[in-house]
N, C-alpha and C. Protein backbone atom coordinates (compact mmCIF):
# COMPACT_ATOMS: atom_id res chain seq x y z
N MET A 1 -80.21 -44.11 82.34
CA MET A 1 -79.41 -43.90 83.54
C MET A 1 -79.07 -45.26 84.16
N SER A 2 -77.80 -45.50 84.38
CA SER A 2 -77.35 -46.79 84.92
C SER A 2 -77.70 -46.90 86.39
N SER A 3 -77.74 -48.15 86.88
CA SER A 3 -78.04 -48.39 88.28
C SER A 3 -76.96 -47.81 89.19
N VAL A 4 -75.70 -47.88 88.72
CA VAL A 4 -74.60 -47.34 89.53
C VAL A 4 -74.75 -45.83 89.69
N LEU A 5 -75.07 -45.13 88.60
CA LEU A 5 -75.26 -43.68 88.67
C LEU A 5 -76.44 -43.33 89.56
N PHE A 6 -77.52 -44.10 89.43
CA PHE A 6 -78.71 -43.85 90.25
C PHE A 6 -78.39 -43.99 91.73
N LEU A 7 -77.69 -45.07 92.10
CA LEU A 7 -77.35 -45.29 93.51
C LEU A 7 -76.38 -44.22 94.01
N PHE A 8 -75.49 -43.76 93.15
CA PHE A 8 -74.57 -42.69 93.53
C PHE A 8 -75.36 -41.41 93.85
N ILE A 9 -76.34 -41.09 93.02
CA ILE A 9 -77.16 -39.89 93.23
C ILE A 9 -77.94 -40.00 94.54
N ILE A 10 -78.54 -41.17 94.77
CA ILE A 10 -79.29 -41.38 96.01
C ILE A 10 -78.36 -41.26 97.22
N GLY A 11 -77.15 -41.82 97.12
CA GLY A 11 -76.19 -41.72 98.20
C GLY A 11 -75.80 -40.27 98.48
N ALA A 12 -75.59 -39.50 97.41
CA ALA A 12 -75.23 -38.09 97.57
C ALA A 12 -76.36 -37.31 98.23
N ILE A 13 -77.60 -37.64 97.85
CA ILE A 13 -78.76 -36.97 98.47
C ILE A 13 -78.83 -37.28 99.96
N LEU A 14 -78.56 -38.53 100.33
CA LEU A 14 -78.60 -38.92 101.74
C LEU A 14 -77.50 -38.23 102.55
N VAL A 15 -76.31 -38.12 101.97
CA VAL A 15 -75.22 -37.43 102.66
C VAL A 15 -75.57 -35.97 102.87
N GLN A 16 -76.09 -35.33 101.83
CA GLN A 16 -76.48 -33.93 101.93
C GLN A 16 -77.59 -33.74 102.96
N ARG A 17 -78.52 -34.66 103.00
CA ARG A 17 -79.62 -34.61 103.97
C ARG A 17 -79.08 -34.69 105.40
N ALA A 18 -78.10 -35.59 105.60
CA ALA A 18 -77.51 -35.72 106.93
C ALA A 18 -76.79 -34.44 107.34
N LEU A 19 -76.08 -33.82 106.40
CA LEU A 19 -75.37 -32.58 106.69
C LEU A 19 -76.32 -31.46 107.08
N GLU A 20 -77.43 -31.32 106.35
CA GLU A 20 -78.35 -30.23 106.64
C GLU A 20 -79.16 -30.49 107.91
N SER A 21 -79.26 -31.76 108.30
CA SER A 21 -80.03 -32.10 109.49
C SER A 21 -79.24 -31.91 110.77
N PHE A 22 -77.93 -32.17 110.72
CA PHE A 22 -77.14 -32.20 111.95
C PHE A 22 -76.10 -31.10 112.05
N LEU A 23 -75.50 -30.68 110.94
CA LEU A 23 -74.43 -29.69 111.01
C LEU A 23 -74.90 -28.34 111.54
N PRO A 24 -75.98 -27.73 110.97
CA PRO A 24 -76.42 -26.43 111.51
C PRO A 24 -76.93 -26.51 112.94
N ASN A 25 -77.49 -27.68 113.33
CA ASN A 25 -78.06 -27.81 114.67
C ASN A 25 -77.00 -27.70 115.77
N SER A 26 -75.72 -27.98 115.42
CA SER A 26 -74.67 -27.93 116.42
C SER A 26 -74.39 -26.50 116.88
N LYS A 27 -74.82 -25.51 116.10
CA LYS A 27 -74.54 -24.11 116.42
C LYS A 27 -75.80 -23.33 116.80
N ARG A 28 -76.91 -24.02 116.89
CA ARG A 28 -78.16 -23.31 117.12
C ARG A 28 -78.31 -22.87 118.57
N LEU A 29 -79.12 -21.85 118.75
CA LEU A 29 -79.48 -21.38 120.08
C LEU A 29 -80.67 -22.21 120.56
N ARG A 30 -80.53 -22.86 121.67
CA ARG A 30 -81.57 -23.78 122.13
C ARG A 30 -82.73 -23.04 122.79
N GLY A 31 -83.92 -23.60 122.61
CA GLY A 31 -85.11 -22.97 123.17
C GLY A 31 -86.16 -24.01 123.52
N LEU A 32 -87.39 -23.57 123.61
CA LEU A 32 -88.51 -24.43 123.96
C LEU A 32 -89.09 -25.07 122.70
N LYS A 33 -89.18 -26.40 122.70
CA LYS A 33 -89.65 -27.14 121.53
C LYS A 33 -91.13 -27.47 121.65
N PHE A 34 -91.78 -27.49 120.49
CA PHE A 34 -93.20 -27.82 120.42
C PHE A 34 -93.42 -28.90 119.36
N ALA A 35 -94.41 -29.77 119.61
CA ALA A 35 -94.80 -30.82 118.65
C ALA A 35 -93.58 -31.56 118.12
N GLU A 36 -92.77 -32.09 119.04
CA GLU A 36 -91.54 -32.78 118.63
C GLU A 36 -91.82 -34.01 117.78
N TRP A 37 -93.01 -34.57 117.87
CA TRP A 37 -93.35 -35.74 117.07
C TRP A 37 -93.29 -35.44 115.58
N THR A 38 -93.44 -34.16 115.21
CA THR A 38 -93.41 -33.84 113.79
C THR A 38 -92.01 -34.04 113.20
N GLY A 39 -90.97 -33.83 114.02
CA GLY A 39 -89.62 -34.08 113.53
C GLY A 39 -89.40 -35.55 113.23
N ILE A 40 -89.94 -36.42 114.10
CA ILE A 40 -89.85 -37.86 113.86
C ILE A 40 -90.64 -38.24 112.61
N ALA A 41 -91.82 -37.63 112.46
CA ALA A 41 -92.65 -37.92 111.29
C ALA A 41 -91.96 -37.50 110.00
N PHE A 42 -91.26 -36.36 110.02
CA PHE A 42 -90.50 -35.93 108.86
C PHE A 42 -89.45 -36.97 108.48
N SER A 43 -88.75 -37.50 109.48
CA SER A 43 -87.72 -38.51 109.22
C SER A 43 -88.32 -39.78 108.62
N ILE A 44 -89.47 -40.18 109.13
CA ILE A 44 -90.13 -41.39 108.63
C ILE A 44 -90.58 -41.20 107.19
N THR A 45 -91.23 -40.07 106.89
CA THR A 45 -91.71 -39.85 105.53
C THR A 45 -90.55 -39.74 104.54
N PHE A 46 -89.44 -39.13 104.96
CA PHE A 46 -88.29 -39.05 104.05
C PHE A 46 -87.70 -40.43 103.80
N SER A 47 -87.65 -41.27 104.84
CA SER A 47 -87.16 -42.64 104.66
C SER A 47 -88.05 -43.41 103.70
N LEU A 48 -89.36 -43.23 103.83
CA LEU A 48 -90.29 -43.88 102.91
C LEU A 48 -90.11 -43.37 101.49
N LEU A 49 -89.82 -42.08 101.36
CA LEU A 49 -89.56 -41.50 100.04
C LEU A 49 -88.38 -42.17 99.37
N ILE A 50 -87.26 -42.29 100.08
CA ILE A 50 -86.06 -42.91 99.52
C ILE A 50 -86.31 -44.38 99.22
N LEU A 51 -86.92 -45.09 100.19
CA LEU A 51 -87.18 -46.51 100.02
C LEU A 51 -88.10 -46.76 98.82
N GLY A 52 -89.18 -46.00 98.73
CA GLY A 52 -90.11 -46.18 97.63
C GLY A 52 -89.48 -45.89 96.28
N THR A 53 -88.65 -44.85 96.22
CA THR A 53 -87.99 -44.50 94.96
C THR A 53 -87.04 -45.60 94.51
N VAL A 54 -86.23 -46.11 95.44
CA VAL A 54 -85.27 -47.17 95.10
C VAL A 54 -85.99 -48.45 94.70
N VAL A 55 -86.98 -48.86 95.47
CA VAL A 55 -87.71 -50.10 95.17
C VAL A 55 -88.40 -50.00 93.82
N GLU A 56 -89.06 -48.88 93.55
CA GLU A 56 -89.75 -48.73 92.27
C GLU A 56 -88.77 -48.72 91.10
N TYR A 57 -87.62 -48.11 91.28
CA TYR A 57 -86.62 -48.06 90.21
C TYR A 57 -86.17 -49.47 89.82
N PHE A 58 -85.94 -50.33 90.82
CA PHE A 58 -85.40 -51.65 90.53
C PHE A 58 -86.47 -52.70 90.24
N LEU A 59 -87.68 -52.54 90.76
CA LEU A 59 -88.70 -53.59 90.60
C LEU A 59 -89.64 -53.36 89.43
N ILE A 60 -89.84 -52.10 89.05
CA ILE A 60 -90.77 -51.83 87.95
C ILE A 60 -89.96 -51.49 86.70
N SER A 61 -90.11 -52.33 85.70
CA SER A 61 -89.36 -52.14 84.46
C SER A 61 -90.09 -51.13 83.57
N ARG A 62 -89.44 -50.00 83.33
CA ARG A 62 -89.99 -48.99 82.44
C ARG A 62 -88.84 -48.21 81.82
N PRO A 63 -89.03 -47.69 80.62
CA PRO A 63 -87.98 -46.85 80.02
C PRO A 63 -87.77 -45.59 80.86
N ILE A 64 -86.52 -45.27 81.11
CA ILE A 64 -86.19 -44.09 81.90
C ILE A 64 -86.06 -42.88 80.97
N SER A 65 -86.89 -41.89 81.22
CA SER A 65 -86.81 -40.65 80.45
C SER A 65 -85.74 -39.76 81.06
N LEU A 66 -84.69 -39.49 80.28
CA LEU A 66 -83.63 -38.63 80.79
C LEU A 66 -84.12 -37.20 80.99
N TRP A 67 -85.13 -36.78 80.24
CA TRP A 67 -85.71 -35.45 80.43
C TRP A 67 -86.36 -35.35 81.82
N VAL A 68 -87.12 -36.37 82.17
CA VAL A 68 -87.77 -36.39 83.48
C VAL A 68 -86.72 -36.47 84.59
N SER A 69 -85.71 -37.33 84.40
CA SER A 69 -84.64 -37.45 85.39
C SER A 69 -83.89 -36.13 85.55
N GLY A 70 -83.63 -35.47 84.42
CA GLY A 70 -82.94 -34.19 84.48
C GLY A 70 -83.77 -33.13 85.19
N MET A 71 -85.08 -33.14 84.95
CA MET A 71 -85.96 -32.20 85.64
C MET A 71 -85.94 -32.47 87.15
N GLY A 72 -85.96 -33.76 87.52
CA GLY A 72 -85.89 -34.11 88.93
C GLY A 72 -84.60 -33.65 89.57
N MET A 73 -83.49 -33.83 88.86
CA MET A 73 -82.20 -33.37 89.39
C MET A 73 -82.18 -31.85 89.56
N GLY A 74 -82.75 -31.16 88.58
CA GLY A 74 -82.81 -29.70 88.68
C GLY A 74 -83.60 -29.24 89.89
N ILE A 75 -84.73 -29.91 90.15
CA ILE A 75 -85.55 -29.57 91.32
C ILE A 75 -84.79 -29.83 92.61
N VAL A 76 -84.06 -30.96 92.66
CA VAL A 76 -83.31 -31.30 93.86
C VAL A 76 -82.18 -30.30 94.11
N VAL A 77 -81.48 -29.90 93.05
CA VAL A 77 -80.40 -28.92 93.19
C VAL A 77 -80.96 -27.59 93.70
N LEU A 78 -82.07 -27.14 93.12
CA LEU A 78 -82.71 -25.90 93.59
C LEU A 78 -83.17 -26.04 95.03
N ARG A 79 -83.65 -27.22 95.35
CA ARG A 79 -84.11 -27.49 96.71
C ARG A 79 -82.96 -27.37 97.72
N ILE A 80 -81.81 -27.93 97.38
CA ILE A 80 -80.65 -27.85 98.28
C ILE A 80 -80.22 -26.40 98.47
N TRP A 81 -80.17 -25.66 97.37
CA TRP A 81 -79.79 -24.24 97.44
C TRP A 81 -80.75 -23.46 98.32
N LEU A 82 -82.06 -23.67 98.15
CA LEU A 82 -83.05 -22.95 98.95
C LEU A 82 -82.95 -23.32 100.42
N LYS A 83 -82.75 -24.60 100.72
CA LYS A 83 -82.69 -25.04 102.12
C LYS A 83 -81.48 -24.42 102.83
N TRP A 84 -80.33 -24.43 102.18
CA TRP A 84 -79.14 -23.86 102.82
C TRP A 84 -79.24 -22.34 102.93
N TRP A 85 -79.87 -21.71 101.97
CA TRP A 85 -80.09 -20.26 102.05
C TRP A 85 -80.92 -19.94 103.28
N ALA A 86 -81.99 -20.73 103.48
CA ALA A 86 -82.85 -20.53 104.64
C ALA A 86 -82.09 -20.79 105.94
N MET A 87 -81.33 -21.86 105.99
CA MET A 87 -80.61 -22.21 107.22
C MET A 87 -79.56 -21.16 107.57
N LEU A 88 -78.81 -20.72 106.57
CA LEU A 88 -77.77 -19.72 106.82
C LEU A 88 -78.38 -18.37 107.21
N THR A 89 -79.55 -18.06 106.65
CA THR A 89 -80.22 -16.81 107.00
C THR A 89 -80.69 -16.83 108.45
N LEU A 90 -81.25 -17.95 108.88
CA LEU A 90 -81.72 -18.04 110.27
C LEU A 90 -80.55 -18.15 111.26
N GLY A 91 -79.45 -18.74 110.83
CA GLY A 91 -78.29 -18.85 111.70
C GLY A 91 -78.59 -19.61 112.98
N LYS A 92 -78.37 -18.98 114.13
CA LYS A 92 -78.54 -19.64 115.43
C LYS A 92 -80.00 -19.96 115.74
N TYR A 93 -80.93 -19.39 114.96
CA TYR A 93 -82.34 -19.67 115.19
C TYR A 93 -82.85 -20.87 114.39
N TRP A 94 -81.98 -21.44 113.56
CA TRP A 94 -82.40 -22.59 112.76
C TRP A 94 -82.62 -23.82 113.65
N SER A 95 -83.64 -24.60 113.33
CA SER A 95 -83.88 -25.85 114.03
C SER A 95 -84.76 -26.74 113.15
N VAL A 96 -84.53 -28.06 113.23
CA VAL A 96 -85.40 -28.98 112.52
C VAL A 96 -86.72 -29.16 113.27
N GLN A 97 -86.77 -28.69 114.52
CA GLN A 97 -87.98 -28.74 115.33
C GLN A 97 -88.67 -27.37 115.32
N ILE A 98 -89.92 -27.36 115.79
CA ILE A 98 -90.57 -26.08 116.09
C ILE A 98 -89.99 -25.62 117.42
N GLU A 99 -89.12 -24.63 117.38
CA GLU A 99 -88.35 -24.26 118.56
C GLU A 99 -88.34 -22.74 118.71
N ILE A 100 -88.81 -22.27 119.85
CA ILE A 100 -88.89 -20.83 120.14
C ILE A 100 -87.93 -20.49 121.27
N ARG A 101 -87.09 -19.47 121.03
CA ARG A 101 -86.12 -19.05 122.04
C ARG A 101 -86.61 -17.83 122.80
N GLU A 102 -86.07 -17.64 123.98
CA GLU A 102 -86.44 -16.48 124.78
C GLU A 102 -86.07 -15.18 124.06
N SER A 103 -84.90 -15.18 123.42
CA SER A 103 -84.43 -13.98 122.71
C SER A 103 -84.70 -14.05 121.21
N HIS A 104 -85.68 -14.85 120.84
CA HIS A 104 -85.97 -15.10 119.43
C HIS A 104 -86.30 -13.80 118.69
N GLN A 105 -85.76 -13.66 117.49
CA GLN A 105 -86.07 -12.52 116.63
C GLN A 105 -86.77 -13.01 115.37
N LEU A 106 -87.67 -12.21 114.86
CA LEU A 106 -88.37 -12.56 113.62
C LEU A 106 -87.49 -12.18 112.44
N ILE A 107 -87.03 -13.19 111.70
CA ILE A 107 -86.13 -12.98 110.57
C ILE A 107 -86.95 -12.74 109.31
N LYS A 108 -86.65 -11.63 108.63
CA LYS A 108 -87.36 -11.30 107.40
C LYS A 108 -86.40 -11.08 106.24
N ASP A 109 -85.16 -11.50 106.39
CA ASP A 109 -84.16 -11.33 105.34
C ASP A 109 -84.07 -12.59 104.48
N GLY A 110 -83.19 -12.55 103.48
CA GLY A 110 -82.96 -13.71 102.64
C GLY A 110 -84.23 -14.21 101.99
N PRO A 111 -84.44 -15.52 101.98
CA PRO A 111 -85.66 -16.06 101.36
C PRO A 111 -86.93 -15.67 102.11
N TYR A 112 -86.77 -15.26 103.38
CA TYR A 112 -87.92 -14.89 104.20
C TYR A 112 -88.52 -13.54 103.78
N ARG A 113 -87.87 -12.86 102.87
CA ARG A 113 -88.47 -11.66 102.26
C ARG A 113 -89.59 -12.04 101.29
N TYR A 114 -89.51 -13.26 100.75
CA TYR A 114 -90.42 -13.67 99.69
C TYR A 114 -91.46 -14.70 100.14
N ILE A 115 -91.06 -15.60 101.03
CA ILE A 115 -91.99 -16.59 101.58
C ILE A 115 -91.66 -16.81 103.06
N ARG A 116 -92.68 -17.17 103.83
CA ARG A 116 -92.48 -17.32 105.27
C ARG A 116 -91.81 -18.64 105.64
N HIS A 117 -91.96 -19.66 104.78
CA HIS A 117 -91.46 -20.99 105.13
C HIS A 117 -90.67 -21.60 103.98
N PRO A 118 -89.52 -21.03 103.65
CA PRO A 118 -88.71 -21.59 102.56
C PRO A 118 -88.23 -23.01 102.82
N ALA A 119 -87.99 -23.36 104.08
CA ALA A 119 -87.54 -24.71 104.39
C ALA A 119 -88.62 -25.74 104.05
N TYR A 120 -89.87 -25.40 104.32
CA TYR A 120 -90.96 -26.32 103.99
C TYR A 120 -91.14 -26.44 102.48
N LEU A 121 -90.95 -25.35 101.77
CA LEU A 121 -91.00 -25.42 100.31
C LEU A 121 -89.88 -26.31 99.79
N SER A 122 -88.69 -26.19 100.37
CA SER A 122 -87.56 -27.02 99.92
C SER A 122 -87.84 -28.50 100.19
N ASN A 123 -88.49 -28.80 101.31
CA ASN A 123 -88.85 -30.19 101.59
C ASN A 123 -89.84 -30.72 100.55
N LEU A 124 -90.81 -29.90 100.20
CA LEU A 124 -91.78 -30.30 99.19
C LEU A 124 -91.09 -30.55 97.85
N MET A 125 -90.10 -29.73 97.52
CA MET A 125 -89.34 -29.91 96.28
C MET A 125 -88.59 -31.24 96.28
N ALA A 126 -88.12 -31.68 97.45
CA ALA A 126 -87.45 -32.97 97.55
C ALA A 126 -88.42 -34.10 97.22
N TYR A 127 -89.66 -34.00 97.71
CA TYR A 127 -90.65 -35.04 97.47
C TYR A 127 -91.13 -35.04 96.02
N LEU A 128 -90.90 -33.97 95.32
CA LEU A 128 -91.16 -33.93 93.88
C LEU A 128 -89.97 -34.42 93.08
N GLY A 129 -88.80 -33.90 93.42
CA GLY A 129 -87.63 -34.13 92.60
C GLY A 129 -87.05 -35.52 92.69
N ILE A 130 -86.95 -36.08 93.89
CA ILE A 130 -86.28 -37.37 94.05
C ILE A 130 -86.99 -38.49 93.29
N PRO A 131 -88.31 -38.65 93.37
CA PRO A 131 -88.96 -39.69 92.56
C PRO A 131 -88.82 -39.45 91.05
N LEU A 132 -88.80 -38.18 90.64
CA LEU A 132 -88.67 -37.90 89.21
C LEU A 132 -87.31 -38.34 88.67
N ILE A 133 -86.27 -38.28 89.49
CA ILE A 133 -84.96 -38.74 89.05
C ILE A 133 -85.04 -40.20 88.59
N ALA A 134 -85.79 -41.01 89.33
CA ALA A 134 -85.93 -42.44 89.01
C ALA A 134 -87.14 -42.73 88.15
N ASN A 135 -87.88 -41.70 87.73
CA ASN A 135 -89.16 -41.89 87.03
C ASN A 135 -90.10 -42.76 87.86
N ALA A 136 -90.05 -42.58 89.18
CA ALA A 136 -90.84 -43.39 90.12
C ALA A 136 -92.18 -42.69 90.36
N TYR A 137 -93.10 -42.84 89.43
CA TYR A 137 -94.34 -42.07 89.46
C TYR A 137 -95.29 -42.53 90.56
N TYR A 138 -95.32 -43.82 90.86
CA TYR A 138 -96.17 -44.30 91.94
C TYR A 138 -95.71 -43.73 93.28
N THR A 139 -94.40 -43.73 93.48
CA THR A 139 -93.85 -43.16 94.71
C THR A 139 -94.15 -41.67 94.79
N LEU A 140 -94.02 -40.98 93.67
CA LEU A 140 -94.30 -39.55 93.63
C LEU A 140 -95.72 -39.25 94.08
N ILE A 141 -96.68 -39.94 93.51
CA ILE A 141 -98.09 -39.70 93.84
C ILE A 141 -98.38 -40.09 95.30
N GLY A 142 -97.89 -41.25 95.70
CA GLY A 142 -98.15 -41.73 97.05
C GLY A 142 -97.56 -40.82 98.11
N MET A 143 -96.33 -40.38 97.89
CA MET A 143 -95.68 -39.54 98.90
C MET A 143 -96.30 -38.15 98.97
N LEU A 144 -96.73 -37.62 97.84
CA LEU A 144 -97.38 -36.31 97.87
C LEU A 144 -98.70 -36.39 98.63
N ILE A 145 -99.45 -37.47 98.42
CA ILE A 145 -100.70 -37.66 99.15
C ILE A 145 -100.43 -37.75 100.65
N LEU A 146 -99.34 -38.39 101.02
CA LEU A 146 -98.99 -38.54 102.43
C LEU A 146 -98.37 -37.27 103.00
N TYR A 147 -97.48 -36.64 102.23
CA TYR A 147 -96.66 -35.57 102.78
C TYR A 147 -97.34 -34.20 102.80
N VAL A 148 -98.07 -33.86 101.76
CA VAL A 148 -98.63 -32.51 101.67
C VAL A 148 -99.53 -32.18 102.85
N PRO A 149 -100.50 -33.04 103.23
CA PRO A 149 -101.32 -32.71 104.41
C PRO A 149 -100.49 -32.59 105.69
N PHE A 150 -99.49 -33.46 105.84
CA PHE A 150 -98.64 -33.39 107.02
C PHE A 150 -97.82 -32.09 107.03
N ASN A 151 -97.32 -31.70 105.87
CA ASN A 151 -96.54 -30.46 105.78
C ASN A 151 -97.39 -29.26 106.16
N LEU A 152 -98.65 -29.24 105.72
CA LEU A 152 -99.55 -28.15 106.07
C LEU A 152 -99.87 -28.15 107.57
N MET A 153 -99.99 -29.34 108.15
CA MET A 153 -100.24 -29.43 109.59
C MET A 153 -99.06 -28.88 110.38
N ARG A 154 -97.85 -29.26 109.98
CA ARG A 154 -96.65 -28.76 110.66
C ARG A 154 -96.55 -27.24 110.51
N LEU A 155 -96.85 -26.74 109.33
CA LEU A 155 -96.81 -25.30 109.10
C LEU A 155 -97.81 -24.59 110.01
N TYR A 156 -99.00 -25.16 110.13
CA TYR A 156 -100.04 -24.59 110.98
C TYR A 156 -99.58 -24.53 112.44
N LEU A 157 -98.98 -25.62 112.93
CA LEU A 157 -98.51 -25.67 114.30
C LEU A 157 -97.40 -24.65 114.56
N GLU A 158 -96.51 -24.50 113.59
CA GLU A 158 -95.43 -23.53 113.75
C GLU A 158 -95.95 -22.10 113.73
N GLU A 159 -96.91 -21.84 112.86
CA GLU A 159 -97.48 -20.50 112.79
C GLU A 159 -98.15 -20.12 114.11
N LYS A 160 -98.82 -21.06 114.74
CA LYS A 160 -99.46 -20.79 116.03
C LYS A 160 -98.45 -20.32 117.06
N GLU A 161 -97.31 -21.00 117.12
CA GLU A 161 -96.28 -20.62 118.10
C GLU A 161 -95.64 -19.28 117.75
N LEU A 162 -95.46 -19.01 116.48
CA LEU A 162 -94.88 -17.74 116.07
C LEU A 162 -95.82 -16.57 116.37
N ILE A 163 -97.11 -16.80 116.22
CA ILE A 163 -98.08 -15.76 116.57
C ILE A 163 -98.06 -15.49 118.07
N LYS A 164 -97.97 -16.56 118.87
CA LYS A 164 -97.88 -16.38 120.32
C LYS A 164 -96.65 -15.58 120.70
N LYS A 165 -95.55 -15.84 120.02
CA LYS A 165 -94.28 -15.20 120.37
C LYS A 165 -94.23 -13.75 119.89
N PHE A 166 -94.62 -13.49 118.65
CA PHE A 166 -94.40 -12.16 118.06
C PHE A 166 -95.67 -11.33 117.92
N GLY A 167 -96.84 -11.95 118.09
CA GLY A 167 -98.09 -11.20 118.08
C GLY A 167 -98.33 -10.42 116.80
N GLU A 168 -98.61 -9.13 116.95
CA GLU A 168 -98.98 -8.29 115.81
C GLU A 168 -97.87 -8.20 114.77
N GLU A 169 -96.63 -8.25 115.20
CA GLU A 169 -95.52 -8.19 114.25
C GLU A 169 -95.60 -9.34 113.25
N TYR A 170 -95.91 -10.54 113.76
CA TYR A 170 -96.01 -11.69 112.86
C TYR A 170 -97.29 -11.64 112.03
N GLU A 171 -98.36 -11.12 112.61
CA GLU A 171 -99.60 -10.97 111.85
C GLU A 171 -99.37 -10.04 110.65
N ASP A 172 -98.66 -8.95 110.85
CA ASP A 172 -98.35 -8.04 109.74
C ASP A 172 -97.47 -8.72 108.70
N TYR A 173 -96.53 -9.52 109.18
CA TYR A 173 -95.64 -10.27 108.28
C TYR A 173 -96.44 -11.24 107.43
N ARG A 174 -97.40 -11.93 108.03
CA ARG A 174 -98.24 -12.88 107.30
C ARG A 174 -99.08 -12.20 106.24
N LYS A 175 -99.51 -10.98 106.51
CA LYS A 175 -100.34 -10.26 105.55
C LYS A 175 -99.56 -9.86 104.30
N SER A 176 -98.28 -9.65 104.46
CA SER A 176 -97.48 -9.13 103.35
C SER A 176 -96.64 -10.19 102.64
N VAL A 177 -96.41 -11.34 103.30
CA VAL A 177 -95.53 -12.37 102.73
C VAL A 177 -96.28 -13.70 102.69
N PRO A 178 -96.37 -14.36 101.52
CA PRO A 178 -97.07 -15.65 101.43
C PRO A 178 -96.32 -16.76 102.15
N ALA A 179 -97.02 -17.86 102.42
CA ALA A 179 -96.45 -18.94 103.23
C ALA A 179 -95.41 -19.76 102.47
N LEU A 180 -95.78 -20.29 101.31
CA LEU A 180 -94.92 -21.25 100.62
C LEU A 180 -94.47 -20.83 99.23
N PHE A 181 -95.31 -20.11 98.52
CA PHE A 181 -95.00 -19.78 97.13
C PHE A 181 -94.97 -18.27 96.96
N PRO A 182 -93.92 -17.74 96.32
CA PRO A 182 -93.78 -16.28 96.17
C PRO A 182 -94.72 -15.71 95.11
N ILE A 183 -96.01 -15.88 95.37
CA ILE A 183 -97.04 -15.43 94.44
C ILE A 183 -97.98 -14.49 95.18
N LYS A 184 -98.26 -13.37 94.60
CA LYS A 184 -99.18 -12.41 95.22
C LYS A 184 -100.55 -13.02 95.28
N ARG A 185 -101.14 -13.02 96.49
CA ARG A 185 -102.43 -13.67 96.71
C ARG A 185 -103.58 -12.71 96.45
N GLN A 186 -104.67 -13.29 95.95
CA GLN A 186 -105.90 -12.52 95.82
C GLN A 186 -106.45 -12.26 97.21
N SER A 187 -107.15 -11.14 97.36
CA SER A 187 -107.62 -10.74 98.69
C SER A 187 -108.55 -11.76 99.33
N GLY A 188 -109.45 -12.37 98.53
CA GLY A 188 -110.38 -13.34 99.09
C GLY A 188 -109.66 -14.56 99.62
N PHE A 189 -108.70 -15.06 98.80
CA PHE A 189 -107.93 -16.22 99.25
C PHE A 189 -107.11 -15.86 100.47
N SER A 190 -106.55 -14.67 100.47
CA SER A 190 -105.71 -14.25 101.59
C SER A 190 -106.49 -14.26 102.90
N ARG A 191 -107.72 -13.77 102.87
CA ARG A 191 -108.53 -13.71 104.09
C ARG A 191 -108.84 -15.11 104.60
N ARG A 192 -109.22 -16.02 103.70
CA ARG A 192 -109.53 -17.38 104.12
C ARG A 192 -108.28 -18.10 104.62
N ASN A 193 -107.15 -17.83 103.94
CA ASN A 193 -105.90 -18.46 104.34
C ASN A 193 -105.49 -18.01 105.74
N ARG A 194 -105.62 -16.72 106.04
CA ARG A 194 -105.27 -16.22 107.37
C ARG A 194 -106.15 -16.85 108.43
N LEU A 195 -107.43 -17.02 108.12
CA LEU A 195 -108.35 -17.61 109.08
C LEU A 195 -108.01 -19.08 109.33
N PHE A 196 -107.58 -19.77 108.26
CA PHE A 196 -107.21 -21.17 108.42
C PHE A 196 -106.07 -21.30 109.43
N PHE A 197 -105.04 -20.47 109.29
CA PHE A 197 -103.88 -20.57 110.17
C PHE A 197 -104.20 -20.09 111.58
N GLN A 198 -105.26 -19.28 111.73
CA GLN A 198 -105.67 -18.82 113.04
C GLN A 198 -106.64 -19.79 113.70
N GLY A 199 -107.01 -20.84 112.96
CA GLY A 199 -107.94 -21.82 113.52
C GLY A 199 -109.38 -21.37 113.44
N GLY A 200 -109.68 -20.46 112.51
CA GLY A 200 -111.05 -19.98 112.38
C GLY A 200 -111.66 -20.40 111.06
N TYR A 201 -112.85 -19.91 110.78
CA TYR A 201 -113.49 -20.22 109.51
C TYR A 201 -114.24 -18.99 109.04
N CYS A 202 -114.56 -19.01 107.75
CA CYS A 202 -115.22 -17.86 107.14
C CYS A 202 -116.62 -18.24 106.70
N ASN A 203 -117.58 -17.44 107.06
CA ASN A 203 -118.94 -17.60 106.55
C ASN A 203 -119.06 -16.72 105.32
N GLU A 204 -119.15 -17.33 104.14
CA GLU A 204 -119.13 -16.58 102.89
C GLU A 204 -120.31 -15.62 102.76
N ASN A 205 -121.37 -15.86 103.51
CA ASN A 205 -122.56 -15.03 103.38
C ASN A 205 -122.57 -13.87 104.36
N LYS A 206 -121.50 -13.73 105.18
CA LYS A 206 -121.45 -12.66 106.16
C LYS A 206 -120.13 -11.93 106.03
N THR A 207 -120.10 -10.75 106.52
CA THR A 207 -118.86 -9.97 106.44
C THR A 207 -117.99 -10.17 107.65
N ASN A 208 -118.55 -10.72 108.73
CA ASN A 208 -117.75 -10.93 109.92
C ASN A 208 -117.22 -12.35 109.94
N PHE A 209 -116.18 -12.59 110.75
CA PHE A 209 -115.55 -13.88 110.84
C PHE A 209 -115.72 -14.42 112.25
N THR A 210 -115.85 -15.74 112.33
CA THR A 210 -116.09 -16.38 113.61
C THR A 210 -114.92 -17.25 113.98
N LYS A 211 -114.49 -17.17 115.20
CA LYS A 211 -113.39 -17.99 115.69
C LYS A 211 -113.93 -19.34 116.12
N LYS A 212 -113.22 -20.41 115.74
CA LYS A 212 -113.65 -21.74 116.18
C LYS A 212 -113.43 -21.92 117.67
């Protein structure tokens, strides 16, 4: 893959990122925002992702595997499709922030039939796919170590606000729809996972659960 083609791909990714960040927000219904610092953190980690990928591509000399680059492009294309599907499904309720409206409705259509947080999954796919395009393995490992815990923290904070807003309706939704991956969960994992998002813990030797 030539340097010109690589820079063109990175440029296209940045343009698409700008469109998905600002275009839908112009039509959103405004509400009360929570943990706004997470939006800034998302922007910083994405900037580091792009910077690390570009620097590693140009500074570390290694043969570029077109298979790996093609796999990365495929992940990025799927990621863009999933993100726009999620944004269009939410419509006026879409926001890059954790934002709850007075008239907020719980959306269960589109990708939300299969996973509760398709936008977060699409972000994770970006952190996988973009470094693979450049065969930037150091950036891939470093960004996943940085991003995955932060992504889970943001998901946890958003779930807390959604539970406050929708109560039992959202609890039922969580029981039937997984958070990030459309995979049927085992009952034991499901119970521990629900407790994690509720801020509790499970004592494996007891049948009851204790709230932190």
